[in-house]
Amino acid sequence: MSVSVSVTARRLAAAALAAGALVGAVALPASATDHARPHRPAVEISDVQYNSPGFDDRSNRSLNKEWVELTNTGRRAVNLDGWTLSDEDGHTYTFQHRFWLEGRDTVRIHTGVGRDTDTDLYQDRRSYVWDNHSDTATLRNDRDRFVDAVSWGHDRHHGGNRH
């Protein structure tokens, strides 16, 4: 009788160890998600042309050569309605008309006057926004939460700096 009791005890111990290993393996992915990378915004400032090429003559053509590009790095479309793009002096462009930036797409926001399309938006200004020497382009969502920023000219050793 003692032989069958010890065999049963060993089988129960082996089953308990196997069950513990299985639970540990299943729980591992859950704990790994606790240490995942922080969420990165799907929309970011991807490029800035702050010094329009040629003469700064305030012509609409020259004004529209000054722009900021936004890229949706995610797969899903993002509604930019109510989002803002601003400079250090408080010039602010507010996205309107439920503008959707499709996944993996880019839109260029020009300073001057023009007709809005899916790839180009216009601030309809008659003077330059972005300072040629130093400035910061800041993007905020419709709840006024910081999304992204790019600076230039603040550090003579580096070009643009992402915040």
N, C-alpha and C. Protein backbone atom coordinates (compact mmCIF):
# COMPACT_ATOMS: atom_id res chain seq x y z
N MET A 1 0.80 -1.19 0.00
CA MET A 1 0.00 0.00 0.00
C MET A 1 0.85 1.26 0.00
N SER A 2 1.98 1.19 0.67
CA SER A 2 2.85 2.36 0.73
C SER A 2 3.41 2.71 -0.64
N VAL A 3 3.59 1.73 -1.51
CA VAL A 3 4.10 1.99 -2.86
C VAL A 3 3.08 2.79 -3.66
N SER A 4 1.81 2.40 -3.59
CA SER A 4 0.79 3.12 -4.36
C SER A 4 0.56 4.53 -3.81
N VAL A 5 0.72 4.73 -2.52
CA VAL A 5 0.57 6.07 -1.94
C VAL A 5 1.71 6.96 -2.41
N SER A 6 2.93 6.45 -2.44
CA SER A 6 4.05 7.28 -2.86
C SER A 6 3.98 7.58 -4.36
N VAL A 7 3.50 6.63 -5.17
CA VAL A 7 3.32 6.89 -6.61
C VAL A 7 2.26 7.96 -6.81
N THR A 8 1.16 7.86 -6.09
CA THR A 8 0.10 8.85 -6.19
C THR A 8 0.60 10.22 -5.74
N ALA A 9 1.37 10.27 -4.67
CA ALA A 9 1.91 11.54 -4.17
C ALA A 9 2.84 12.15 -5.21
N ARG A 10 3.67 11.33 -5.83
CA ARG A 10 4.57 11.84 -6.87
C ARG A 10 3.80 12.36 -8.07
N ARG A 11 2.75 11.68 -8.46
CA ARG A 11 1.93 12.12 -9.59
C ARG A 11 1.24 13.45 -9.28
N LEU A 12 0.74 13.54 -8.07
CA LEU A 12 0.09 14.81 -7.66
C LEU A 12 1.11 15.95 -7.63
N ALA A 13 2.30 15.68 -7.14
CA ALA A 13 3.34 16.72 -7.09
C ALA A 13 3.74 17.14 -8.50
N ALA A 14 3.88 16.17 -9.40
CA ALA A 14 4.23 16.48 -10.79
C ALA A 14 3.14 17.29 -11.47
N ALA A 15 1.89 16.95 -11.21
CA ALA A 15 0.76 17.68 -11.79
C ALA A 15 0.72 19.11 -11.27
N ALA A 16 1.00 19.28 -9.97
CA ALA A 16 1.01 20.62 -9.38
C ALA A 16 2.13 21.46 -9.98
N LEU A 17 3.31 20.88 -10.16
CA LEU A 17 4.43 21.62 -10.78
C LEU A 17 4.10 21.99 -12.23
N ALA A 18 3.51 21.09 -12.97
CA ALA A 18 3.14 21.37 -14.36
C ALA A 18 2.10 22.48 -14.43
N ALA A 19 1.12 22.43 -13.53
CA ALA A 19 0.10 23.47 -13.50
C ALA A 19 0.71 24.81 -13.15
N GLY A 20 1.65 24.82 -12.21
CA GLY A 20 2.33 26.07 -11.83
C GLY A 20 3.12 26.65 -12.98
N ALA A 21 3.81 25.79 -13.73
CA ALA A 21 4.58 26.25 -14.89
C ALA A 21 3.65 26.82 -15.96
N LEU A 22 2.50 26.18 -16.17
CA LEU A 22 1.54 26.65 -17.15
C LEU A 22 0.98 28.02 -16.77
N VAL A 23 0.62 28.19 -15.49
CA VAL A 23 0.11 29.48 -15.02
C VAL A 23 1.18 30.55 -15.17
N GLY A 24 2.41 30.23 -14.85
CA GLY A 24 3.51 31.19 -14.99
C GLY A 24 3.73 31.61 -16.43
N ALA A 25 3.63 30.65 -17.36
CA ALA A 25 3.81 30.97 -18.78
C ALA A 25 2.68 31.84 -19.30
N VAL A 26 1.47 31.59 -18.85
CA VAL A 26 0.32 32.39 -19.28
C VAL A 26 0.41 33.80 -18.69
N ALA A 27 0.89 33.94 -17.46
CA ALA A 27 0.96 35.23 -16.79
C ALA A 27 2.11 36.08 -17.32
N LEU A 28 3.09 35.48 -17.97
CA LEU A 28 4.25 36.21 -18.44
C LEU A 28 3.91 37.34 -19.41
N PRO A 29 3.09 37.10 -20.45
CA PRO A 29 2.77 38.21 -21.34
C PRO A 29 2.06 39.37 -20.63
N ALA A 30 1.24 39.09 -19.64
CA ALA A 30 0.55 40.16 -18.93
C ALA A 30 1.55 41.04 -18.20
N SER A 31 2.56 40.46 -17.59
CA SER A 31 3.55 41.27 -16.88
C SER A 31 4.45 42.00 -17.87
N ALA A 32 4.67 41.43 -19.04
CA ALA A 32 5.49 42.09 -20.05
C ALA A 32 4.82 43.35 -20.56
N THR A 33 3.49 43.37 -20.60
CA THR A 33 2.80 44.56 -21.08
C THR A 33 2.92 45.72 -20.10
N ASP A 34 3.20 45.41 -18.82
CA ASP A 34 3.39 46.49 -17.85
C ASP A 34 4.62 47.32 -18.17
N HIS A 35 5.57 46.74 -18.89
CA HIS A 35 6.81 47.43 -19.20
C HIS A 35 6.90 47.82 -20.67
N ALA A 36 5.77 47.93 -21.33
CA ALA A 36 5.76 48.30 -22.75
C ALA A 36 6.21 49.75 -22.90
N ARG A 37 6.63 50.09 -24.10
CA ARG A 37 7.05 51.46 -24.38
C ARG A 37 5.88 52.42 -24.19
N PRO A 38 6.16 53.65 -23.78
CA PRO A 38 5.08 54.62 -23.61
C PRO A 38 4.40 54.89 -24.95
N HIS A 39 3.11 55.22 -24.88
CA HIS A 39 2.32 55.50 -26.10
C HIS A 39 2.89 56.72 -26.80
N ARG A 40 3.15 56.57 -28.07
CA ARG A 40 3.67 57.66 -28.89
C ARG A 40 2.51 58.23 -29.70
N PRO A 41 2.43 59.56 -29.80
CA PRO A 41 1.30 60.12 -30.54
C PRO A 41 1.34 59.68 -32.00
N ALA A 42 0.16 59.45 -32.58
CA ALA A 42 0.09 59.02 -33.97
C ALA A 42 0.38 60.16 -34.92
N VAL A 43 0.16 61.40 -34.50
CA VAL A 43 0.42 62.56 -35.35
C VAL A 43 1.63 63.31 -34.80
N GLU A 44 2.56 63.63 -35.69
CA GLU A 44 3.76 64.36 -35.28
C GLU A 44 4.15 65.39 -36.33
N ILE A 45 4.92 66.36 -35.89
CA ILE A 45 5.49 67.35 -36.81
C ILE A 45 6.65 66.66 -37.50
N SER A 46 6.53 66.46 -38.80
CA SER A 46 7.54 65.69 -39.53
C SER A 46 8.56 66.56 -40.26
N ASP A 47 8.22 67.83 -40.53
CA ASP A 47 9.16 68.72 -41.22
C ASP A 47 8.68 70.15 -41.08
N VAL A 48 9.63 71.09 -41.14
CA VAL A 48 9.30 72.52 -41.07
C VAL A 48 10.16 73.26 -42.09
N GLN A 49 9.53 74.09 -42.90
CA GLN A 49 10.25 75.02 -43.80
C GLN A 49 9.97 76.41 -43.25
N TYR A 50 10.82 76.88 -42.32
CA TYR A 50 10.57 78.15 -41.64
C TYR A 50 11.15 79.34 -42.39
N ASN A 51 12.09 79.13 -43.26
CA ASN A 51 12.69 80.22 -44.03
C ASN A 51 12.37 79.97 -45.49
N SER A 52 11.33 80.64 -45.99
CA SER A 52 10.92 80.38 -47.37
C SER A 52 12.05 80.74 -48.33
N PRO A 53 12.30 79.88 -49.31
CA PRO A 53 13.37 80.13 -50.27
C PRO A 53 13.12 81.42 -51.05
N GLY A 54 14.19 82.11 -51.39
CA GLY A 54 14.08 83.35 -52.15
C GLY A 54 13.92 84.56 -51.24
N PHE A 55 13.43 85.64 -51.82
CA PHE A 55 13.26 86.89 -51.07
C PHE A 55 12.02 86.83 -50.19
N ASP A 56 12.14 87.36 -48.99
CA ASP A 56 10.99 87.47 -48.09
C ASP A 56 10.25 88.75 -48.44
N ASP A 57 9.42 88.68 -49.48
CA ASP A 57 8.73 89.88 -49.97
C ASP A 57 7.25 89.91 -49.59
N ARG A 58 6.83 88.99 -48.72
CA ARG A 58 5.45 88.88 -48.26
C ARG A 58 4.44 88.61 -49.38
N SER A 59 4.92 88.19 -50.53
CA SER A 59 4.00 87.79 -51.58
C SER A 59 3.35 86.47 -51.15
N ASN A 60 2.18 86.19 -51.67
CA ASN A 60 1.49 84.95 -51.31
C ASN A 60 2.35 83.74 -51.69
N ARG A 61 3.04 83.85 -52.81
CA ARG A 61 3.91 82.76 -53.25
C ARG A 61 5.01 82.50 -52.23
N SER A 62 5.63 83.56 -51.73
CA SER A 62 6.68 83.42 -50.73
C SER A 62 6.12 82.92 -49.40
N LEU A 63 4.96 83.43 -49.01
CA LEU A 63 4.33 83.00 -47.76
C LEU A 63 4.00 81.50 -47.79
N ASN A 64 3.58 81.01 -48.94
CA ASN A 64 3.21 79.60 -49.04
C ASN A 64 4.42 78.66 -49.14
N LYS A 65 5.61 79.23 -49.30
CA LYS A 65 6.82 78.42 -49.25
C LYS A 65 7.31 78.25 -47.81
N GLU A 66 6.60 78.86 -46.87
CA GLU A 66 6.83 78.66 -45.44
C GLU A 66 5.73 77.71 -44.97
N TRP A 67 6.10 76.57 -44.37
CA TRP A 67 5.10 75.57 -44.01
C TRP A 67 5.59 74.65 -42.91
N VAL A 68 4.64 73.92 -42.36
CA VAL A 68 4.90 72.86 -41.39
C VAL A 68 4.18 71.61 -41.88
N GLU A 69 4.86 70.47 -41.83
CA GLU A 69 4.24 69.21 -42.22
C GLU A 69 3.91 68.38 -40.99
N LEU A 70 2.73 67.78 -41.04
CA LEU A 70 2.30 66.83 -40.02
C LEU A 70 2.13 65.47 -40.68
N THR A 71 2.57 64.43 -40.00
CA THR A 71 2.43 63.07 -40.50
C THR A 71 1.70 62.22 -39.47
N ASN A 72 0.73 61.46 -39.95
CA ASN A 72 0.05 60.48 -39.11
C ASN A 72 0.85 59.19 -39.24
N THR A 73 1.57 58.83 -38.19
CA THR A 73 2.42 57.64 -38.22
C THR A 73 1.63 56.36 -37.92
N GLY A 74 0.40 56.53 -37.51
CA GLY A 74 -0.45 55.37 -37.22
C GLY A 74 -1.18 54.87 -38.44
N ARG A 75 -1.95 53.81 -38.25
CA ARG A 75 -2.73 53.22 -39.34
C ARG A 75 -4.12 53.83 -39.46
N ARG A 76 -4.65 54.33 -38.35
CA ARG A 76 -6.01 54.86 -38.34
C ARG A 76 -6.03 56.35 -38.61
N ALA A 77 -7.09 56.82 -39.25
CA ALA A 77 -7.28 58.24 -39.50
C ALA A 77 -7.48 58.98 -38.18
N VAL A 78 -7.01 60.22 -38.13
CA VAL A 78 -7.15 61.05 -36.94
C VAL A 78 -7.90 62.32 -37.33
N ASN A 79 -8.94 62.66 -36.58
CA ASN A 79 -9.70 63.89 -36.79
C ASN A 79 -8.96 65.03 -36.12
N LEU A 80 -8.45 65.97 -36.90
CA LEU A 80 -7.67 67.10 -36.36
C LEU A 80 -8.54 68.31 -36.04
N ASP A 81 -9.85 68.19 -36.16
CA ASP A 81 -10.75 69.31 -35.87
C ASP A 81 -10.51 69.83 -34.45
N GLY A 82 -10.18 71.11 -34.34
CA GLY A 82 -9.93 71.72 -33.04
C GLY A 82 -8.48 71.66 -32.59
N TRP A 83 -7.62 70.92 -33.29
CA TRP A 83 -6.20 70.88 -32.96
C TRP A 83 -5.58 72.22 -33.33
N THR A 84 -4.45 72.57 -32.71
CA THR A 84 -3.79 73.84 -33.00
C THR A 84 -2.32 73.63 -33.31
N LEU A 85 -1.81 74.53 -34.13
CA LEU A 85 -0.39 74.61 -34.46
C LEU A 85 0.02 76.05 -34.17
N SER A 86 1.00 76.25 -33.30
CA SER A 86 1.35 77.62 -32.90
C SER A 86 2.85 77.82 -32.83
N ASP A 87 3.24 79.11 -32.83
CA ASP A 87 4.65 79.47 -32.68
C ASP A 87 4.86 80.11 -31.31
N GLU A 88 6.10 80.52 -31.03
CA GLU A 88 6.42 81.10 -29.73
C GLU A 88 5.76 82.46 -29.49
N ASP A 89 5.41 83.17 -30.56
CA ASP A 89 4.78 84.49 -30.42
C ASP A 89 3.27 84.41 -30.27
N GLY A 90 2.72 83.21 -30.29
CA GLY A 90 1.28 83.06 -30.10
C GLY A 90 0.46 83.02 -31.37
N HIS A 91 1.10 83.06 -32.54
CA HIS A 91 0.36 82.88 -33.79
C HIS A 91 -0.18 81.45 -33.78
N THR A 92 -1.47 81.30 -33.94
CA THR A 92 -2.08 79.97 -33.82
C THR A 92 -2.98 79.68 -35.01
N TYR A 93 -2.80 78.51 -35.58
CA TYR A 93 -3.68 78.01 -36.62
C TYR A 93 -4.52 76.90 -36.00
N THR A 94 -5.84 76.98 -36.16
CA THR A 94 -6.74 75.97 -35.62
C THR A 94 -7.34 75.17 -36.78
N PHE A 95 -7.21 73.87 -36.72
CA PHE A 95 -7.77 72.98 -37.74
C PHE A 95 -9.29 73.00 -37.59
N GLN A 96 -9.96 73.13 -38.74
CA GLN A 96 -11.42 73.21 -38.73
C GLN A 96 -12.01 72.26 -39.76
N HIS A 97 -13.31 72.25 -39.82
CA HIS A 97 -14.06 71.50 -40.84
C HIS A 97 -13.79 70.01 -40.77
N ARG A 98 -13.59 69.49 -39.55
CA ARG A 98 -13.38 68.05 -39.38
C ARG A 98 -12.35 67.50 -40.36
N PHE A 99 -11.17 68.07 -40.33
CA PHE A 99 -10.10 67.60 -41.21
C PHE A 99 -9.56 66.27 -40.68
N TRP A 100 -9.64 65.23 -41.51
CA TRP A 100 -9.15 63.91 -41.16
C TRP A 100 -7.81 63.67 -41.83
N LEU A 101 -6.81 63.32 -41.05
CA LEU A 101 -5.51 62.93 -41.58
C LEU A 101 -5.46 61.41 -41.58
N GLU A 102 -5.50 60.85 -42.77
CA GLU A 102 -5.54 59.40 -42.92
C GLU A 102 -4.26 58.76 -42.38
N GLY A 103 -4.33 57.48 -42.09
CA GLY A 103 -3.17 56.75 -41.60
C GLY A 103 -2.03 56.79 -42.60
N ARG A 104 -0.83 57.01 -42.10
CA ARG A 104 0.41 57.06 -42.89
C ARG A 104 0.43 58.21 -43.90
N ASP A 105 -0.46 59.22 -43.74
CA ASP A 105 -0.49 60.37 -44.66
C ASP A 105 0.16 61.59 -44.02
N THR A 106 0.47 62.56 -44.87
CA THR A 106 1.10 63.81 -44.46
C THR A 106 0.29 64.97 -45.01
N VAL A 107 0.19 66.04 -44.21
CA VAL A 107 -0.45 67.27 -44.66
C VAL A 107 0.54 68.42 -44.42
N ARG A 108 0.56 69.35 -45.35
CA ARG A 108 1.44 70.52 -45.24
C ARG A 108 0.57 71.75 -44.96
N ILE A 109 0.90 72.49 -43.89
CA ILE A 109 0.16 73.69 -43.51
C ILE A 109 0.98 74.90 -43.92
N HIS A 110 0.52 75.60 -44.96
CA HIS A 110 1.21 76.77 -45.51
C HIS A 110 0.77 78.02 -44.77
N THR A 111 1.63 79.03 -44.75
CA THR A 111 1.32 80.28 -44.06
C THR A 111 0.34 81.14 -44.84
N GLY A 112 0.49 81.21 -46.15
CA GLY A 112 -0.29 82.13 -46.98
C GLY A 112 -1.71 81.68 -47.27
N VAL A 113 -2.27 82.28 -48.32
CA VAL A 113 -3.65 82.05 -48.73
C VAL A 113 -3.69 80.98 -49.82
N GLY A 114 -4.67 80.09 -49.75
CA GLY A 114 -4.82 79.06 -50.76
C GLY A 114 -6.09 78.27 -50.54
N ARG A 115 -6.28 77.31 -51.40
CA ARG A 115 -7.46 76.44 -51.32
C ARG A 115 -7.08 75.13 -50.64
N ASP A 116 -7.72 74.81 -49.54
CA ASP A 116 -7.41 73.61 -48.77
C ASP A 116 -7.71 72.35 -49.58
N THR A 117 -6.79 71.37 -49.45
CA THR A 117 -6.97 70.06 -50.06
C THR A 117 -6.65 69.00 -49.00
N ASP A 118 -6.64 67.73 -49.39
CA ASP A 118 -6.29 66.66 -48.47
C ASP A 118 -4.81 66.69 -48.09
N THR A 119 -3.97 67.31 -48.92
CA THR A 119 -2.53 67.31 -48.67
C THR A 119 -1.97 68.68 -48.32
N ASP A 120 -2.73 69.75 -48.54
CA ASP A 120 -2.26 71.11 -48.27
C ASP A 120 -3.36 71.94 -47.62
N LEU A 121 -3.03 72.56 -46.49
CA LEU A 121 -3.94 73.48 -45.81
C LEU A 121 -3.27 74.85 -45.76
N TYR A 122 -4.08 75.90 -45.65
CA TYR A 122 -3.56 77.27 -45.69
C TYR A 122 -4.07 78.06 -44.48
N GLN A 123 -3.14 78.80 -43.86
CA GLN A 123 -3.49 79.61 -42.70
C GLN A 123 -4.17 80.92 -43.11
N ASP A 124 -4.07 81.29 -44.38
CA ASP A 124 -4.66 82.52 -44.92
C ASP A 124 -4.12 83.77 -44.24
N ARG A 125 -2.82 83.80 -44.00
CA ARG A 125 -2.15 84.96 -43.40
C ARG A 125 -1.48 85.80 -44.47
N ARG A 126 -1.28 87.06 -44.13
CA ARG A 126 -0.61 88.01 -45.04
C ARG A 126 0.80 88.35 -44.57
N SER A 127 1.26 87.69 -43.50
CA SER A 127 2.63 87.91 -43.02
C SER A 127 3.18 86.58 -42.50
N TYR A 128 4.51 86.53 -42.39
CA TYR A 128 5.19 85.29 -41.99
C TYR A 128 4.88 84.95 -40.53
N VAL A 129 4.90 83.65 -40.23
CA VAL A 129 4.67 83.17 -38.88
C VAL A 129 5.97 82.69 -38.25
N TRP A 130 6.69 81.84 -38.94
CA TRP A 130 7.85 81.16 -38.37
C TRP A 130 9.10 82.02 -38.48
N ASP A 131 9.74 82.26 -37.35
CA ASP A 131 10.95 83.08 -37.29
C ASP A 131 12.11 82.32 -37.93
N ASN A 132 12.86 83.02 -38.79
CA ASN A 132 13.97 82.37 -39.49
C ASN A 132 15.14 82.03 -38.58
N HIS A 133 15.28 82.74 -37.48
CA HIS A 133 16.45 82.56 -36.61
C HIS A 133 16.21 81.55 -35.50
N SER A 134 15.07 81.63 -34.85
CA SER A 134 14.74 80.66 -33.81
C SER A 134 13.25 80.72 -33.51
N ASP A 135 12.67 79.57 -33.33
CA ASP A 135 11.24 79.48 -33.04
C ASP A 135 10.92 78.05 -32.64
N THR A 136 9.68 77.82 -32.25
CA THR A 136 9.20 76.48 -31.94
C THR A 136 7.81 76.31 -32.52
N ALA A 137 7.62 75.25 -33.28
CA ALA A 137 6.30 74.88 -33.79
C ALA A 137 5.72 73.88 -32.80
N THR A 138 4.55 74.19 -32.23
CA THR A 138 3.94 73.33 -31.22
C THR A 138 2.57 72.85 -31.69
N LEU A 139 2.35 71.56 -31.60
CA LEU A 139 1.08 70.94 -31.99
C LEU A 139 0.36 70.49 -30.73
N ARG A 140 -0.93 70.89 -30.61
CA ARG A 140 -1.76 70.50 -29.47
C ARG A 140 -3.06 69.90 -30.01
N ASN A 141 -3.63 68.96 -29.26
CA ASN A 141 -4.88 68.34 -29.70
C ASN A 141 -6.08 69.21 -29.33
N ASP A 142 -7.28 68.71 -29.60
CA ASP A 142 -8.50 69.49 -29.38
C ASP A 142 -8.81 69.69 -27.90
N ARG A 143 -8.07 69.05 -27.03
CA ARG A 143 -8.22 69.26 -25.57
C ARG A 143 -7.07 70.10 -25.03
N ASP A 144 -6.32 70.73 -25.94
CA ASP A 144 -5.18 71.59 -25.62
C ASP A 144 -4.03 70.83 -24.96
N ARG A 145 -3.96 69.53 -25.20
CA ARG A 145 -2.87 68.73 -24.67
C ARG A 145 -1.72 68.70 -25.67
N PHE A 146 -0.52 68.81 -25.15
CA PHE A 146 0.69 68.78 -25.97
C PHE A 146 0.77 67.47 -26.74
N VAL A 147 1.06 67.58 -28.05
CA VAL A 147 1.24 66.41 -28.90
C VAL A 147 2.68 66.32 -29.38
N ASP A 148 3.21 67.43 -29.91
CA ASP A 148 4.58 67.42 -30.44
C ASP A 148 5.06 68.86 -30.60
N ALA A 149 6.38 69.02 -30.68
CA ALA A 149 6.98 70.33 -30.93
C ALA A 149 8.34 70.14 -31.59
N VAL A 150 8.69 71.08 -32.44
CA VAL A 150 10.01 71.10 -33.06
C VAL A 150 10.54 72.53 -32.94
N SER A 151 11.80 72.65 -32.48
CA SER A 151 12.45 73.95 -32.32
C SER A 151 13.64 74.04 -33.26
N TRP A 152 14.01 75.27 -33.58
CA TRP A 152 15.22 75.49 -34.37
C TRP A 152 15.87 76.79 -33.90
N GLY A 153 17.18 76.85 -34.09
CA GLY A 153 17.94 78.06 -33.81
C GLY A 153 18.20 78.35 -32.34
N HIS A 154 17.67 77.58 -31.42
CA HIS A 154 17.89 77.84 -30.00
C HIS A 154 19.26 77.37 -29.55
N ASP A 155 19.82 76.42 -30.25
CA ASP A 155 21.13 75.87 -29.94
C ASP A 155 21.93 75.91 -31.23
N ARG A 156 22.95 76.73 -31.27
CA ARG A 156 23.68 76.93 -32.52
C ARG A 156 24.40 75.68 -33.00
N HIS A 157 24.52 74.65 -32.15
CA HIS A 157 25.21 73.43 -32.53
C HIS A 157 24.27 72.38 -33.14
N HIS A 158 22.97 72.58 -33.02
CA HIS A 158 22.01 71.60 -33.53
C HIS A 158 20.94 72.33 -34.34
N GLY A 159 20.43 71.65 -35.32
CA GLY A 159 19.35 72.22 -36.13
C GLY A 159 18.05 72.20 -35.36
N GLY A 160 17.10 71.40 -35.79
CA GLY A 160 15.82 71.31 -35.10
C GLY A 160 15.90 70.35 -33.92
N ASN A 161 15.16 70.66 -32.90
CA ASN A 161 15.10 69.81 -31.72
C ASN A 161 13.67 69.39 -31.48
N ARG A 162 13.46 68.10 -31.28
CA ARG A 162 12.13 67.58 -30.98
C ARG A 162 11.95 67.58 -29.48
N HIS A 163 10.75 67.98 -29.05
CA HIS A 163 10.43 67.99 -27.61
C HIS A 163 9.52 66.86 -27.28
